[in-house]
């Protein structure tokens, strides 16, 4: 269990203010609390879905959110409700993937991908373009066929993040760090 050793030390602060904020690197956190985490920081901090939260956190009514540069906050669900969307897929519509003939360079590039290996996210974004999935998705949503692929790559940014407490008051936190720019609209 990755977080257990630290939880005893930080529980009082979480109980008092509803969260515990770590403002140094994850590596320093591991050293401070003598944690034996074998994977890199993103495996423990870059959580996309509730199901990826570590069991030792959720069993204690806690969850972690990364705030850049190795910083993170462990929140109490008693004070801050889950900020995750629970997407239901039972009524999902199937999108027919079709190769776009006008993209021969992508066809050549994708011919060397080993589908058994986990591909990089940016590669998968391009694969969705190659199979015309975005056009199909936009047509399902609003009937048009226009979409935009945003800028790519990492960028350092700083911005405010607001989480709502159960009493409806807002708490402001500051994110400072790397942001991924590979979103498609």
C-alpha atoms as a PDB file:
ATOM      1  CA  UNK A   1       0.000   0.000   0.000  1.00  0.00           C
ATOM      2  CA  UNK A   2       1.509   3.277  -1.127  1.00  0.00           C
ATOM      3  CA  UNK A   3      -0.308   5.872   0.995  1.00  0.00           C
ATOM      4  CA  UNK A   4      -0.843   4.007   4.283  1.00  0.00           C
ATOM      5  CA  UNK A   5       2.404   5.047   6.007  1.00  0.00           C
ATOM      6  CA  UNK A   6       1.694   8.718   5.353  1.00  0.00           C
ATOM      7  CA  UNK A   7      -2.006   8.659   6.262  1.00  0.00           C
ATOM      8  CA  UNK A   8      -1.360   8.251   9.991  1.00  0.00           C
ATOM      9  CA  UNK A   9       0.834  11.363   9.966  1.00  0.00           C
ATOM     10  CA  UNK A  10      -1.445  13.585   7.890  1.00  0.00           C
ATOM     11  CA  UNK A  11      -4.886  12.426   9.064  1.00  0.00           C
ATOM     12  CA  UNK A  12      -5.231  15.160  11.725  1.00  0.00           C
ATOM     13  CA  UNK A  13      -4.676  17.887   9.116  1.00  0.00           C
ATOM     14  CA  UNK A  14      -7.166  16.266   6.727  1.00  0.00           C
ATOM     15  CA  UNK A  15      -9.744  16.028   9.529  1.00  0.00           C
ATOM     16  CA  UNK A  16      -9.185  19.691  10.468  1.00  0.00           C
ATOM     17  CA  UNK A  17      -9.305  21.374   7.050  1.00  0.00           C
ATOM     18  CA  UNK A  18     -10.689  18.690   4.740  1.00  0.00           C
ATOM     19  CA  UNK A  19      -7.451  18.195   2.818  1.00  0.00           C
ATOM     20  CA  UNK A  20      -3.689  17.801   3.044  1.00  0.00           C
ATOM     21  CA  UNK A  21      -1.506  19.670   0.555  1.00  0.00           C
ATOM     22  CA  UNK A  22       2.001  18.508  -0.343  1.00  0.00           C
ATOM     23  CA  UNK A  23       4.046  21.308  -1.990  1.00  0.00           C
ATOM     24  CA  UNK A  24       7.260  19.509  -2.846  1.00  0.00           C
ATOM     25  CA  UNK A  25       8.075  16.713  -5.278  1.00  0.00           C
ATOM     26  CA  UNK A  26       6.483  13.296  -4.941  1.00  0.00           C
ATOM     27  CA  UNK A  27       9.998  11.891  -4.561  1.00  0.00           C
ATOM     28  CA  UNK A  28      10.460  14.057  -1.449  1.00  0.00           C
ATOM     29  CA  UNK A  29       7.075  12.857  -0.126  1.00  0.00           C
ATOM     30  CA  UNK A  30       8.217   9.233  -0.500  1.00  0.00           C
ATOM     31  CA  UNK A  31      11.456  10.001   1.360  1.00  0.00           C
ATOM     32  CA  UNK A  32       9.711  11.923   4.141  1.00  0.00           C
ATOM     33  CA  UNK A  33       7.149   9.210   4.871  1.00  0.00           C
ATOM     34  CA  UNK A  34       9.400   6.257   3.932  1.00  0.00           C
ATOM     35  CA  UNK A  35       7.031   5.087   1.224  1.00  0.00           C
ATOM     36  CA  UNK A  36       8.075   2.291  -1.102  1.00  0.00           C
ATOM     37  CA  UNK A  37       6.281   3.306  -4.289  1.00  0.00           C
ATOM     38  CA  UNK A  38       7.804   1.383  -7.166  1.00  0.00           C
ATOM     39  CA  UNK A  39       6.227   3.331 -10.036  1.00  0.00           C
ATOM     40  CA  UNK A  40       6.747   6.927 -11.117  1.00  0.00           C
ATOM     41  CA  UNK A  41       4.692   9.779  -9.620  1.00  0.00           C
ATOM     42  CA  UNK A  42       2.085   9.971 -12.435  1.00  0.00           C
ATOM     43  CA  UNK A  43       0.931   6.431 -11.614  1.00  0.00           C
ATOM     44  CA  UNK A  44      -0.116   7.650  -8.170  1.00  0.00           C
ATOM     45  CA  UNK A  45      -1.059  11.265  -8.907  1.00  0.00           C
ATOM     46  CA  UNK A  46      -2.386  11.564 -12.484  1.00  0.00           C
ATOM     47  CA  UNK A  47      -5.756   9.958 -11.934  1.00  0.00           C
ATOM     48  CA  UNK A  48      -8.296  10.089 -14.782  1.00  0.00           C
ATOM     49  CA  UNK A  49     -11.091   7.997 -13.277  1.00  0.00           C
ATOM     50  CA  UNK A  50     -12.383   7.299  -9.791  1.00  0.00           C
ATOM     51  CA  UNK A  51     -11.580   3.613 -10.302  1.00  0.00           C
ATOM     52  CA  UNK A  52      -7.876   4.542 -10.558  1.00  0.00           C
ATOM     53  CA  UNK A  53      -7.755   6.042  -7.069  1.00  0.00           C
ATOM     54  CA  UNK A  54      -5.764   3.858  -4.675  1.00  0.00           C
ATOM     55  CA  UNK A  55      -7.860   1.592  -2.452  1.00  0.00           C
ATOM     56  CA  UNK A  56      -6.104   2.704   0.737  1.00  0.00           C
ATOM     57  CA  UNK A  57      -7.335   6.241   0.011  1.00  0.00           C
ATOM     58  CA  UNK A  58     -10.908   5.446  -1.017  1.00  0.00           C
ATOM     59  CA  UNK A  59     -11.370   3.020   1.889  1.00  0.00           C
ATOM     60  CA  UNK A  60     -10.632   5.997   4.147  1.00  0.00           C
ATOM     61  CA  UNK A  61     -12.946   8.378   2.263  1.00  0.00           C
ATOM     62  CA  UNK A  62     -10.019  10.145   0.577  1.00  0.00           C
ATOM     63  CA  UNK A  63      -8.818  10.875  -2.950  1.00  0.00           C
ATOM     64  CA  UNK A  64      -5.773  12.556  -4.496  1.00  0.00           C
ATOM     65  CA  UNK A  65      -5.544  15.248  -7.183  1.00  0.00           C
ATOM     66  CA  UNK A  66      -2.277  16.348  -8.765  1.00  0.00           C
ATOM     67  CA  UNK A  67      -1.520  20.069  -8.688  1.00  0.00           C
ATOM     68  CA  UNK A  68       1.612  20.223 -10.838  1.00  0.00           C
ATOM     69  CA  UNK A  69       5.368  19.987 -10.269  1.00  0.00           C
ATOM     70  CA  UNK A  70       4.923  16.875  -8.093  1.00  0.00           C
ATOM     71  CA  UNK A  71       2.526  18.749  -5.788  1.00  0.00           C
ATOM     72  CA  UNK A  72      -0.745  17.110  -4.852  1.00  0.00           C
ATOM     73  CA  UNK A  73      -3.650  17.377  -2.465  1.00  0.00           C
ATOM     74  CA  UNK A  74      -5.351  14.535  -0.640  1.00  0.00           C
ATOM     75  CA  UNK A  75      -9.011  15.463  -0.130  1.00  0.00           C
ATOM     76  CA  UNK A  76     -11.595  14.106   2.279  1.00  0.00           C
ATOM     77  CA  UNK A  77     -14.842  13.036   0.641  1.00  0.00           C
ATOM     78  CA  UNK A  78     -16.603  14.127   3.843  1.00  0.00           C
ATOM     79  CA  UNK A  79     -15.647  17.716   3.040  1.00  0.00           C
ATOM     80  CA  UNK A  80     -15.166  17.728  -0.764  1.00  0.00           C
ATOM     81  CA  UNK A  81     -17.478  15.466  -2.803  1.00  0.00           C
ATOM     82  CA  UNK A  82     -15.855  13.474  -5.604  1.00  0.00           C
ATOM     83  CA  UNK A  83     -15.005  15.698  -8.579  1.00  0.00           C
ATOM     84  CA  UNK A  84     -15.202  12.773 -11.010  1.00  0.00           C
ATOM     85  CA  UNK A  85     -17.881  12.188 -13.607  1.00  0.00           C
ATOM     86  CA  UNK A  86     -19.326   8.697 -13.450  1.00  0.00           C
ATOM     87  CA  UNK A  87     -19.950   8.059 -17.121  1.00  0.00           C
ATOM     88  CA  UNK A  88     -22.503   5.415 -17.958  1.00  0.00           C
ATOM     89  CA  UNK A  89     -21.796   3.463 -21.125  1.00  0.00           C
ATOM     90  CA  UNK A  90     -24.884   1.264 -21.219  1.00  0.00           C
ATOM     91  CA  UNK A  91     -26.553   3.455 -23.855  1.00  0.00           C
ATOM     92  CA  UNK A  92     -23.397   4.230 -25.838  1.00  0.00           C
ATOM     93  CA  UNK A  93     -23.690   4.415 -29.590  1.00  0.00           C
ATOM     94  CA  UNK A  94     -21.237   2.574 -31.761  1.00  0.00           C
ATOM     95  CA  UNK A  95     -19.196   4.728 -34.111  1.00  0.00           C
ATOM     96  CA  UNK A  96     -18.121   3.157 -37.340  1.00  0.00           C
ATOM     97  CA  UNK A  97     -14.403   3.703 -37.907  1.00  0.00           C
ATOM     98  CA  UNK A  98     -13.471   4.262 -41.523  1.00  0.00           C
ATOM     99  CA  UNK A  99     -10.059   4.943 -42.955  1.00  0.00           C
ATOM    100  CA  UNK A 100      -9.639   8.412 -44.466  1.00  0.00           C
ATOM    101  CA  UNK A 101      -8.205   7.841 -47.931  1.00  0.00           C
ATOM    102  CA  UNK A 102      -6.709  11.340 -48.123  1.00  0.00           C
ATOM    103  CA  UNK A 103      -4.239  10.589 -45.308  1.00  0.00           C
ATOM    104  CA  UNK A 104      -1.667   8.224 -46.876  1.00  0.00           C
ATOM    105  CA  UNK A 105       1.181   9.426 -44.654  1.00  0.00           C
ATOM    106  CA  UNK A 106      -0.790   8.472 -41.531  1.00  0.00           C
ATOM    107  CA  UNK A 107      -1.609   5.077 -43.066  1.00  0.00           C
ATOM    108  CA  UNK A 108       2.117   4.420 -43.472  1.00  0.00           C
ATOM    109  CA  UNK A 109       2.897   5.640 -39.937  1.00  0.00           C
ATOM    110  CA  UNK A 110       0.185   3.509 -38.314  1.00  0.00           C
ATOM    111  CA  UNK A 111       1.249   0.397 -40.219  1.00  0.00           C
ATOM    112  CA  UNK A 112       4.286   0.093 -37.916  1.00  0.00           C
ATOM    113  CA  UNK A 113       2.362   0.394 -34.619  1.00  0.00           C
ATOM    114  CA  UNK A 114       2.283  -2.771 -32.570  1.00  0.00           C
ATOM    115  CA  UNK A 115      -1.319  -2.870 -31.303  1.00  0.00           C
ATOM    116  CA  UNK A 116      -0.272  -5.150 -28.430  1.00  0.00           C
ATOM    117  CA  UNK A 117       1.806  -2.339 -26.925  1.00  0.00           C
ATOM    118  CA  UNK A 118       0.304   0.646 -25.172  1.00  0.00           C
ATOM    119  CA  UNK A 119       0.582   3.599 -27.550  1.00  0.00           C
ATOM    120  CA  UNK A 120       1.258   7.172 -26.572  1.00  0.00           C
ATOM    121  CA  UNK A 121      -1.810   9.351 -26.106  1.00  0.00           C
ATOM    122  CA  UNK A 122      -0.860  11.699 -28.961  1.00  0.00           C
ATOM    123  CA  UNK A 123      -0.567   8.730 -31.294  1.00  0.00           C
ATOM    124  CA  UNK A 124      -4.063   7.609 -30.356  1.00  0.00           C
ATOM    125  CA  UNK A 125      -5.439  11.113 -30.964  1.00  0.00           C
ATOM    126  CA  UNK A 126      -4.042  10.931 -34.502  1.00  0.00           C
ATOM    127  CA  UNK A 127      -5.409   7.412 -34.932  1.00  0.00           C
ATOM    128  CA  UNK A 128      -8.904   8.748 -34.192  1.00  0.00           C
ATOM    129  CA  UNK A 129      -8.342  11.343 -36.917  1.00  0.00           C
ATOM    130  CA  UNK A 130      -7.147   8.693 -39.360  1.00  0.00           C
ATOM    131  CA  UNK A 131     -10.243   6.555 -38.795  1.00  0.00           C
ATOM    132  CA  UNK A 132     -12.547   9.592 -39.024  1.00  0.00           C
ATOM    133  CA  UNK A 133     -13.938   9.004 -35.532  1.00  0.00           C
ATOM    134  CA  UNK A 134     -14.087  12.727 -34.707  1.00  0.00           C
ATOM    135  CA  UNK A 135     -16.229  13.498 -37.747  1.00  0.00           C
ATOM    136  CA  UNK A 136     -18.622  10.687 -36.837  1.00  0.00           C
ATOM    137  CA  UNK A 137     -18.780  11.804 -33.214  1.00  0.00           C
ATOM    138  CA  UNK A 138     -19.464  15.462 -34.062  1.00  0.00           C
ATOM    139  CA  UNK A 139     -22.165  14.401 -36.524  1.00  0.00           C
ATOM    140  CA  UNK A 140     -23.862  12.387 -33.771  1.00  0.00           C
ATOM    141  CA  UNK A 141     -23.691  15.326 -31.357  1.00  0.00           C
ATOM    142  CA  UNK A 142     -24.723  18.310 -33.473  1.00  0.00           C
ATOM    143  CA  UNK A 143     -25.128  17.171 -37.068  1.00  0.00           C
ATOM    144  CA  UNK A 144     -22.077  19.023 -38.386  1.00  0.00           C
ATOM    145  CA  UNK A 145     -18.741  17.572 -39.434  1.00  0.00           C
ATOM    146  CA  UNK A 146     -16.455  20.346 -38.159  1.00  0.00           C
ATOM    147  CA  UNK A 147     -14.015  19.830 -35.312  1.00  0.00           C
ATOM    148  CA  UNK A 148     -10.668  21.284 -34.329  1.00  0.00           C
ATOM    149  CA  UNK A 149      -7.516  19.673 -33.035  1.00  0.00           C
ATOM    150  CA  UNK A 150      -5.882  21.994 -30.565  1.00  0.00           C
ATOM    151  CA  UNK A 151      -2.217  22.688 -29.973  1.00  0.00           C
ATOM    152  CA  UNK A 152      -0.021  19.771 -28.959  1.00  0.00           C
ATOM    153  CA  UNK A 153       2.647  19.189 -26.400  1.00  0.00           C
ATOM    154  CA  UNK A 154       3.458  20.126 -22.876  1.00  0.00           C
ATOM    155  CA  UNK A 155       3.267  23.645 -21.575  1.00  0.00           C
ATOM    156  CA  UNK A 156       3.839  25.066 -18.118  1.00  0.00           C
ATOM    157  CA  UNK A 157       0.835  26.912 -16.796  1.00  0.00           C
ATOM    158  CA  UNK A 158      -0.616  28.318 -13.596  1.00  0.00           C
ATOM    159  CA  UNK A 159      -4.341  28.686 -12.907  1.00  0.00           C
ATOM    160  CA  UNK A 160      -6.917  28.584 -10.132  1.00  0.00           C
ATOM    161  CA  UNK A 161      -8.924  25.426  -9.462  1.00  0.00           C
ATOM    162  CA  UNK A 162     -12.102  25.614  -7.383  1.00  0.00           C
ATOM    163  CA  UNK A 163     -13.569  22.701  -5.455  1.00  0.00           C
ATOM    164  CA  UNK A 164     -16.896  22.936  -3.725  1.00  0.00           C
ATOM    165  CA  UNK A 165     -17.206  21.859  -0.122  1.00  0.00           C
ATOM    166  CA  UNK A 166     -20.278  19.931   1.003  1.00  0.00           C
ATOM    167  CA  UNK A 167     -21.529  23.128   2.692  1.00  0.00           C
ATOM    168  CA  UNK A 168     -21.534  24.720  -0.832  1.00  0.00           C
ATOM    169  CA  UNK A 169     -18.632  27.117  -0.149  1.00  0.00           C
ATOM    170  CA  UNK A 170     -15.850  27.189  -2.735  1.00  0.00           C
ATOM    171  CA  UNK A 171     -12.210  26.569  -1.914  1.00  0.00           C
ATOM    172  CA  UNK A 172      -9.565  27.927  -4.294  1.00  0.00           C
ATOM    173  CA  UNK A 173      -6.385  25.998  -5.029  1.00  0.00           C
ATOM    174  CA  UNK A 174      -3.576  26.979  -7.390  1.00  0.00           C
ATOM    175  CA  UNK A 175      -2.312  24.606 -10.085  1.00  0.00           C
ATOM    176  CA  UNK A 176       1.259  25.268 -11.228  1.00  0.00           C
ATOM    177  CA  UNK A 177       2.951  22.915 -13.604  1.00  0.00           C
ATOM    178  CA  UNK A 178       2.853  20.990 -16.819  1.00  0.00           C
ATOM    179  CA  UNK A 179      -0.399  20.807 -18.760  1.00  0.00           C
ATOM    180  CA  UNK A 180      -1.020  18.597 -21.757  1.00  0.00           C
ATOM    181  CA  UNK A 181      -2.251  20.310 -24.888  1.00  0.00           C
ATOM    182  CA  UNK A 182      -3.667  17.482 -26.925  1.00  0.00           C
ATOM    183  CA  UNK A 183      -7.353  18.136 -26.718  1.00  0.00           C
ATOM    184  CA  UNK A 184      -9.701  17.968 -29.638  1.00  0.00           C
ATOM    185  CA  UNK A 185     -12.970  19.867 -29.829  1.00  0.00           C
END
